[in-house]
Amino acid sequence: MKITLKRSLIGTKKGHRATVNALGLRKIGQSRTVTDNPCVRGMVNKVSYLLEIEE
């Protein structure tokens, strides 16, 4: 599963910023391929409004 950070973290909740950082994303436009498992899926669902997800 490929995730890309599409929106800024400014003005988001502290927990949401921590989740995005835990996914390995730092800058807008940065992409990362992650394994599709329940733990990662839950993290992605929590901050889905900031990300673009490709299966």
Protein backbone atom coordinates (compact mmCIF):
# COMPACT_ATOMS: atom_id res chain seq x y z
CA MET A 1 0.00 0.00 0.00
CA LYS A 2 1.44 3.39 -0.98
CA ILE A 3 0.63 6.45 1.14
CA THR A 4 1.43 10.08 0.28
CA LEU A 5 1.16 13.11 2.57
CA LYS A 6 -1.06 15.59 0.72
CA ARG A 7 -1.96 18.19 3.36
CA SER A 8 -0.02 20.20 5.91
CA LEU A 9 0.15 19.13 9.54
CA ILE A 10 -0.22 22.73 10.74
CA GLY A 11 -3.38 23.07 12.81
CA THR A 12 -3.91 19.33 13.26
CA LYS A 13 -4.15 17.55 16.59
CA LYS A 14 -0.96 16.48 18.32
CA GLY A 15 -1.95 12.81 18.09
CA HIS A 16 -2.55 13.08 14.35
CA ARG A 17 0.88 14.66 13.82
CA ALA A 18 2.44 11.83 15.82
CA THR A 19 0.59 9.23 13.73
CA VAL A 20 1.82 10.74 10.46
CA ASN A 21 5.38 10.81 11.81
CA ALA A 22 5.05 7.17 12.90
CA LEU A 23 4.05 6.29 9.33
CA GLY A 24 7.37 7.78 8.22
CA LEU A 25 6.05 10.88 6.48
CA ARG A 26 7.69 14.25 7.12
CA LYS A 27 7.07 16.57 4.15
CA ILE A 28 4.12 17.26 1.86
CA GLY A 29 4.37 15.12 -1.25
CA GLN A 30 6.52 12.48 0.43
CA SER A 31 5.45 8.89 -0.28
CA ARG A 32 6.09 5.63 1.47
CA THR A 33 5.18 2.03 0.79
CA VAL A 34 3.88 0.26 3.89
CA THR A 35 2.63 -3.25 4.55
CA ASP A 36 -1.13 -3.61 4.64
CA ASN A 37 -1.93 -4.96 8.09
CA PRO A 38 -4.59 -4.04 10.68
CA CYS A 39 -2.23 -1.84 12.72
CA VAL A 40 -1.12 0.29 9.77
CA ARG A 41 -4.66 0.35 8.35
CA GLY A 42 -5.94 1.84 11.63
CA MET A 43 -3.24 4.52 11.60
CA VAL A 44 -4.06 5.41 7.99
CA ASN A 45 -7.80 5.59 8.74
CA LYS A 46 -7.13 7.96 11.65
CA VAL A 47 -5.39 10.54 9.43
CA SER A 48 -6.96 9.68 6.06
CA TYR A 49 -7.95 13.33 5.50
CA LEU A 50 -4.21 14.17 5.26
CA LEU A 51 -3.18 11.27 3.01
CA GLU A 52 -3.64 9.89 -0.46
CA ILE A 53 -3.83 6.09 -0.42
CA GLU A 54 -3.07 3.74 -3.33
CA GLU A 55 -3.62 0.00 -3.01
